[in-house]
Amino acid sequence: MLRVAVVGSGPSGVYTAQALLNQSLVPDVRVHVLDRLPTPYGLVRYGVAPDHEKIKSLQNSLR
């Protein structure tokens, strides 16, 4: 089992966590996302440019 800690739950941290969970090279991965704020998603909560649909979709996929 591979255990990974991702520091920061903004767009980059959430995208990284999703990529680690969706990869197939290491079958058993546990990802922990850590953030100093009580609410996740960083700037995704406050607005992402309209042309960044993949980043905006992360918020819905990880709920």
PDB file of N, CA and C in Angstrom:
ATOM      1  N   MET A   1       0.846  -1.172   0.000  1.00  0.00           N
ATOM      2  CA  MET A   1       0.000   0.000   0.000  1.00  0.00           C
ATOM      3  C   MET A   1       0.893   1.238   0.000  1.00  0.00           C
ATOM      4  N   LEU A   2       0.548   2.181  -0.836  1.00  0.00           N
ATOM      5  CA  LEU A   2       1.244   3.468  -0.897  1.00  0.00           C
ATOM      6  C   LEU A   2       0.366   4.505  -0.213  1.00  0.00           C
ATOM      7  N   ARG A   3       0.944   5.215   0.749  1.00  0.00           N
ATOM      8  CA  ARG A   3       0.212   6.265   1.463  1.00  0.00           C
ATOM      9  C   ARG A   3       0.825   7.600   1.077  1.00  0.00           C
ATOM     10  N   VAL A   4      -0.020   8.526   0.635  1.00  0.00           N
ATOM     11  CA  VAL A   4       0.435   9.823   0.152  1.00  0.00           C
ATOM     12  C   VAL A   4      -0.312  10.918   0.896  1.00  0.00           C
ATOM     13  N   ALA A   5       0.415  11.953   1.297  1.00  0.00           N
ATOM     14  CA  ALA A   5      -0.197  13.142   1.892  1.00  0.00           C
ATOM     15  C   ALA A   5      -0.045  14.285   0.904  1.00  0.00           C
ATOM     16  N   VAL A   6      -1.150  14.876   0.525  1.00  0.00           N
ATOM     17  CA  VAL A   6      -1.156  16.041  -0.358  1.00  0.00           C
ATOM     18  C   VAL A   6      -1.420  17.250   0.530  1.00  0.00           C
ATOM     19  N   VAL A   7      -0.509  18.201   0.505  1.00  0.00           N
ATOM     20  CA  VAL A   7      -0.646  19.395   1.338  1.00  0.00           C
ATOM     21  C   VAL A   7      -1.303  20.491   0.510  1.00  0.00           C
ATOM     22  N   GLY A   8      -2.480  20.895   0.936  1.00  0.00           N
ATOM     23  CA  GLY A   8      -3.237  21.928   0.234  1.00  0.00           C
ATOM     24  C   GLY A   8      -4.403  21.319  -0.518  1.00  0.00           C
ATOM     25  N   SER A   9      -5.584  21.877  -0.316  1.00  0.00           N
ATOM     26  CA  SER A   9      -6.779  21.341  -0.973  1.00  0.00           C
ATOM     27  C   SER A   9      -7.315  22.291  -2.029  1.00  0.00           C
ATOM     28  N   GLY A  10      -6.425  23.090  -2.588  1.00  0.00           N
ATOM     29  CA  GLY A  10      -6.806  23.946  -3.708  1.00  0.00           C
ATOM     30  C   GLY A  10      -6.884  23.121  -4.978  1.00  0.00           C
ATOM     31  N   PRO A  11      -7.038  23.773  -6.122  1.00  0.00           N
ATOM     32  CA  PRO A  11      -7.162  23.045  -7.386  1.00  0.00           C
ATOM     33  C   PRO A  11      -6.011  22.073  -7.644  1.00  0.00           C
ATOM     34  N   SER A  12      -4.780  22.482  -7.383  1.00  0.00           N
ATOM     35  CA  SER A  12      -3.638  21.597  -7.642  1.00  0.00           C
ATOM     36  C   SER A  12      -3.639  20.386  -6.719  1.00  0.00           C
ATOM     37  N   GLY A  13      -3.923  20.612  -5.446  1.00  0.00           N
ATOM     38  CA  GLY A  13      -3.945  19.506  -4.499  1.00  0.00           C
ATOM     39  C   GLY A  13      -5.053  18.513  -4.789  1.00  0.00           C
ATOM     40  N   VAL A  14      -6.229  19.016  -5.109  1.00  0.00           N
ATOM     41  CA  VAL A  14      -7.370  18.149  -5.397  1.00  0.00           C
ATOM     42  C   VAL A  14      -7.136  17.391  -6.701  1.00  0.00           C
ATOM     43  N   TYR A  15      -6.598  18.066  -7.708  1.00  0.00           N
ATOM     44  CA  TYR A  15      -6.299  17.415  -8.987  1.00  0.00           C
ATOM     45  C   TYR A  15      -5.254  16.318  -8.787  1.00  0.00           C
ATOM     46  N   THR A  16      -4.235  16.587  -7.976  1.00  0.00           N
ATOM     47  CA  THR A  16      -3.201  15.593  -7.699  1.00  0.00           C
ATOM     48  C   THR A  16      -3.788  14.381  -6.992  1.00  0.00           C
ATOM     49  N   ALA A  17      -4.630  14.613  -6.001  1.00  0.00           N
ATOM     50  CA  ALA A  17      -5.266  13.506  -5.285  1.00  0.00           C
ATOM     51  C   ALA A  17      -6.103  12.661  -6.235  1.00  0.00           C
ATOM     52  N   GLN A  18      -6.855  13.297  -7.102  1.00  0.00           N
ATOM     53  CA  GLN A  18      -7.687  12.567  -8.055  1.00  0.00           C
ATOM     54  C   GLN A  18      -6.821  11.758  -9.017  1.00  0.00           C
ATOM     55  N   ALA A  19      -5.733  12.343  -9.501  1.00  0.00           N
ATOM     56  CA  ALA A  19      -4.845  11.639 -10.425  1.00  0.00           C
ATOM     57  C   ALA A  19      -4.212  10.419  -9.755  1.00  0.00           C
ATOM     58  N   LEU A  20      -3.820  10.555  -8.495  1.00  0.00           N
ATOM     59  CA  LEU A  20      -3.239   9.421  -7.771  1.00  0.00           C
ATOM     60  C   LEU A  20      -4.252   8.297  -7.582  1.00  0.00           C
ATOM     61  N   LEU A  21      -5.486   8.647  -7.299  1.00  0.00           N
ATOM     62  CA  LEU A  21      -6.512   7.630  -7.088  1.00  0.00           C
ATOM     63  C   LEU A  21      -6.937   6.959  -8.389  1.00  0.00           C
ATOM     64  N   ASN A  22      -6.807   7.656  -9.518  1.00  0.00           N
ATOM     65  CA  ASN A  22      -7.231   7.104 -10.806  1.00  0.00           C
ATOM     66  C   ASN A  22      -6.128   6.369 -11.551  1.00  0.00           C
ATOM     67  N   GLN A  23      -4.890   6.467 -11.098  1.00  0.00           N
ATOM     68  CA  GLN A  23      -3.785   5.814 -11.807  1.00  0.00           C
ATOM     69  C   GLN A  23      -3.832   4.308 -11.552  1.00  0.00           C
ATOM     70  N   SER A  24      -3.124   3.537 -12.387  1.00  0.00           N
ATOM     71  CA  SER A  24      -3.162   2.084 -12.250  1.00  0.00           C
ATOM     72  C   SER A  24      -1.790   1.451 -12.018  1.00  0.00           C
ATOM     73  N   LEU A  25      -0.727   2.229 -11.925  1.00  0.00           N
ATOM     74  CA  LEU A  25       0.603   1.657 -11.706  1.00  0.00           C
ATOM     75  C   LEU A  25       0.740   1.054 -10.312  1.00  0.00           C
ATOM     76  N   VAL A  26       0.208   1.729  -9.320  1.00  0.00           N
ATOM     77  CA  VAL A  26       0.218   1.231  -7.939  1.00  0.00           C
ATOM     78  C   VAL A  26      -1.239   0.980  -7.559  1.00  0.00           C
ATOM     79  N   PRO A  27      -1.633  -0.284  -7.398  1.00  0.00           N
ATOM     80  CA  PRO A  27      -3.057  -0.589  -7.229  1.00  0.00           C
ATOM     81  C   PRO A  27      -3.682  -0.125  -5.917  1.00  0.00           C
ATOM     82  N   ASP A  28      -2.929  -0.086  -4.837  1.00  0.00           N
ATOM     83  CA  ASP A  28      -3.523   0.248  -3.539  1.00  0.00           C
ATOM     84  C   ASP A  28      -2.910   1.544  -3.014  1.00  0.00           C
ATOM     85  N   VAL A  29      -3.581   2.665  -3.296  1.00  0.00           N
ATOM     86  CA  VAL A  29      -3.077   3.979  -2.897  1.00  0.00           C
ATOM     87  C   VAL A  29      -4.077   4.619  -1.940  1.00  0.00           C
ATOM     88  N   ARG A  30      -3.566   5.147  -0.848  1.00  0.00           N
ATOM     89  CA  ARG A  30      -4.389   5.939   0.077  1.00  0.00           C
ATOM     90  C   ARG A  30      -3.882   7.364   0.027  1.00  0.00           C
ATOM     91  N   VAL A  31      -4.787   8.293  -0.198  1.00  0.00           N
ATOM     92  CA  VAL A  31      -4.421   9.699  -0.315  1.00  0.00           C
ATOM     93  C   VAL A  31      -5.118  10.478   0.795  1.00  0.00           C
ATOM     94  N   HIS A  32      -4.341  11.263   1.512  1.00  0.00           N
ATOM     95  CA  HIS A  32      -4.871  12.152   2.543  1.00  0.00           C
ATOM     96  C   HIS A  32      -4.586  13.577   2.100  1.00  0.00           C
ATOM     97  N   VAL A  33      -5.616  14.395   2.036  1.00  0.00           N
ATOM     98  CA  VAL A  33      -5.465  15.797   1.648  1.00  0.00           C
ATOM     99  C   VAL A  33      -5.525  16.642   2.918  1.00  0.00           C
ATOM    100  N   LEU A  34      -4.485  17.425   3.140  1.00  0.00           N
ATOM    101  CA  LEU A  34      -4.376  18.253   4.342  1.00  0.00           C
ATOM    102  C   LEU A  34      -4.455  19.724   3.963  1.00  0.00           C
ATOM    103  N   ASP A  35      -5.147  20.501   4.775  1.00  0.00           N
ATOM    104  CA  ASP A  35      -5.231  21.934   4.523  1.00  0.00           C
ATOM    105  C   ASP A  35      -5.361  22.660   5.854  1.00  0.00           C
ATOM    106  N   ARG A  36      -4.873  23.865   5.904  1.00  0.00           N
ATOM    107  CA  ARG A  36      -4.968  24.638   7.145  1.00  0.00           C
ATOM    108  C   ARG A  36      -6.339  25.277   7.319  1.00  0.00           C
ATOM    109  N   LEU A  37      -7.085  25.400   6.238  1.00  0.00           N
ATOM    110  CA  LEU A  37      -8.422  25.989   6.309  1.00  0.00           C
ATOM    111  C   LEU A  37      -9.474  24.910   6.563  1.00  0.00           C
ATOM    112  N   PRO A  38     -10.583  25.268   7.186  1.00  0.00           N
ATOM    113  CA  PRO A  38     -11.618  24.273   7.471  1.00  0.00           C
ATOM    114  C   PRO A  38     -12.428  23.852   6.243  1.00  0.00           C
ATOM    115  N   THR A  39     -12.401  24.644   5.180  1.00  0.00           N
ATOM    116  CA  THR A  39     -13.149  24.301   3.975  1.00  0.00           C
ATOM    117  C   THR A  39     -12.184  24.007   2.832  1.00  0.00           C
ATOM    118  N   PRO A  40     -12.469  22.988   2.042  1.00  0.00           N
ATOM    119  CA  PRO A  40     -11.564  22.610   0.955  1.00  0.00           C
ATOM    120  C   PRO A  40     -11.770  23.426  -0.318  1.00  0.00           C
ATOM    121  N   TYR A  41     -10.975  23.132  -1.313  1.00  0.00           N
ATOM    122  CA  TYR A  41     -11.068  23.590  -2.704  1.00  0.00           C
ATOM    123  C   TYR A  41     -10.402  24.924  -2.993  1.00  0.00           C
ATOM    124  N   GLY A  42      -9.884  25.623  -2.026  1.00  0.00           N
ATOM    125  CA  GLY A  42      -9.131  26.855  -2.300  1.00  0.00           C
ATOM    126  C   GLY A  42      -9.877  27.808  -3.211  1.00  0.00           C
ATOM    127  N   LEU A  43      -9.226  28.229  -4.280  1.00  0.00           N
ATOM    128  CA  LEU A  43      -9.818  29.206  -5.192  1.00  0.00           C
ATOM    129  C   LEU A  43     -10.976  28.661  -6.015  1.00  0.00           C
ATOM    130  N   VAL A  44     -11.140  27.347  -6.071  1.00  0.00           N
ATOM    131  CA  VAL A  44     -12.275  26.790  -6.810  1.00  0.00           C
ATOM    132  C   VAL A  44     -13.580  27.289  -6.200  1.00  0.00           C
ATOM    133  N   ARG A  45     -13.589  27.484  -4.891  1.00  0.00           N
ATOM    134  CA  ARG A  45     -14.796  27.977  -4.219  1.00  0.00           C
ATOM    135  C   ARG A  45     -15.132  29.406  -4.623  1.00  0.00           C
ATOM    136  N   TYR A  46     -14.129  30.186  -4.953  1.00  0.00           N
ATOM    137  CA  TYR A  46     -14.344  31.616  -5.205  1.00  0.00           C
ATOM    138  C   TYR A  46     -14.372  31.974  -6.676  1.00  0.00           C
ATOM    139  N   GLY A  47     -13.992  31.069  -7.524  1.00  0.00           N
ATOM    140  CA  GLY A  47     -14.073  31.346  -8.946  1.00  0.00           C
ATOM    141  C   GLY A  47     -12.869  30.853  -9.714  1.00  0.00           C
ATOM    142  N   VAL A  48     -13.152  30.179 -10.792  1.00  0.00           N
ATOM    143  CA  VAL A  48     -12.130  29.686 -11.704  1.00  0.00           C
ATOM    144  C   VAL A  48     -12.497  30.217 -13.074  1.00  0.00           C
ATOM    145  N   ALA A  49     -11.501  30.527 -13.872  1.00  0.00           N
ATOM    146  CA  ALA A  49     -11.750  31.049 -15.214  1.00  0.00           C
ATOM    147  C   ALA A  49     -12.670  30.099 -15.982  1.00  0.00           C
ATOM    148  N   PRO A  50     -13.576  30.650 -16.784  1.00  0.00           N
ATOM    149  CA  PRO A  50     -14.547  29.817 -17.500  1.00  0.00           C
ATOM    150  C   PRO A  50     -13.916  28.760 -18.405  1.00  0.00           C
ATOM    151  N   ASP A  51     -12.698  28.994 -18.873  1.00  0.00           N
ATOM    152  CA  ASP A  51     -12.074  28.030 -19.780  1.00  0.00           C
ATOM    153  C   ASP A  51     -11.358  26.890 -19.048  1.00  0.00           C
ATOM    154  N   HIS A  52     -11.488  26.813 -17.738  1.00  0.00           N
ATOM    155  CA  HIS A  52     -10.865  25.745 -16.958  1.00  0.00           C
ATOM    156  C   HIS A  52     -11.933  24.783 -16.423  1.00  0.00           C
ATOM    157  N   GLU A  53     -12.661  24.163 -17.319  1.00  0.00           N
ATOM    158  CA  GLU A  53     -13.762  23.278 -16.932  1.00  0.00           C
ATOM    159  C   GLU A  53     -13.284  22.068 -16.126  1.00  0.00           C
ATOM    160  N   LYS A  54     -12.115  21.532 -16.468  1.00  0.00           N
ATOM    161  CA  LYS A  54     -11.628  20.348 -15.756  1.00  0.00           C
ATOM    162  C   LYS A  54     -11.374  20.667 -14.286  1.00  0.00           C
ATOM    163  N   ILE A  55     -10.823  21.834 -14.015  1.00  0.00           N
ATOM    164  CA  ILE A  55     -10.562  22.242 -12.626  1.00  0.00           C
ATOM    165  C   ILE A  55     -11.893  22.432 -11.893  1.00  0.00           C
ATOM    166  N   LYS A  56     -12.865  23.073 -12.544  1.00  0.00           N
ATOM    167  CA  LYS A  56     -14.151  23.308 -11.896  1.00  0.00           C
ATOM    168  C   LYS A  56     -14.888  21.999 -11.613  1.00  0.00           C
ATOM    169  N   SER A  57     -14.706  21.002 -12.470  1.00  0.00           N
ATOM    170  CA  SER A  57     -15.404  19.731 -12.281  1.00  0.00           C
ATOM    171  C   SER A  57     -14.842  18.927 -11.114  1.00  0.00           C
ATOM    172  N   LEU A  58     -13.635  19.227 -10.676  1.00  0.00           N
ATOM    173  CA  LEU A  58     -13.037  18.505  -9.548  1.00  0.00           C
ATOM    174  C   LEU A  58     -13.848  18.669  -8.274  1.00  0.00           C
ATOM    175  N   GLN A  59     -14.386  19.842  -8.063  1.00  0.00           N
ATOM    176  CA  GLN A  59     -15.150  20.096  -6.847  1.00  0.00           C
ATOM    177  C   GLN A  59     -16.321  19.126  -6.742  1.00  0.00           C
ATOM    178  N   ASN A  60     -16.995  18.877  -7.850  1.00  0.00           N
ATOM    179  CA  ASN A  60     -18.144  17.969  -7.829  1.00  0.00           C
ATOM    180  C   ASN A  60     -17.726  16.510  -7.719  1.00  0.00           C
ATOM    181  N   SER A  61     -16.614  16.145  -8.337  1.00  0.00           N
ATOM    182  CA  SER A  61     -16.230  14.735  -8.362  1.00  0.00           C
ATOM    183  C   SER A  61     -15.678  14.235  -7.039  1.00  0.00           C
ATOM    184  N   LEU A  62     -15.213  15.120  -6.176  1.00  0.00           N
ATOM    185  CA  LEU A  62     -14.624  14.681  -4.914  1.00  0.00           C
ATOM    186  C   LEU A  62     -15.517  14.924  -3.705  1.00  0.00           C
ATOM    187  N   ARG A  63     -16.752  15.220  -3.901  1.00  0.00           N
ATOM    188  CA  ARG A  63     -17.672  15.411  -2.770  1.00  0.00           C
ATOM    189  C   ARG A  63     -18.099  14.102  -2.200  1.00  0.00           C
TER     190      ARG A  63
END
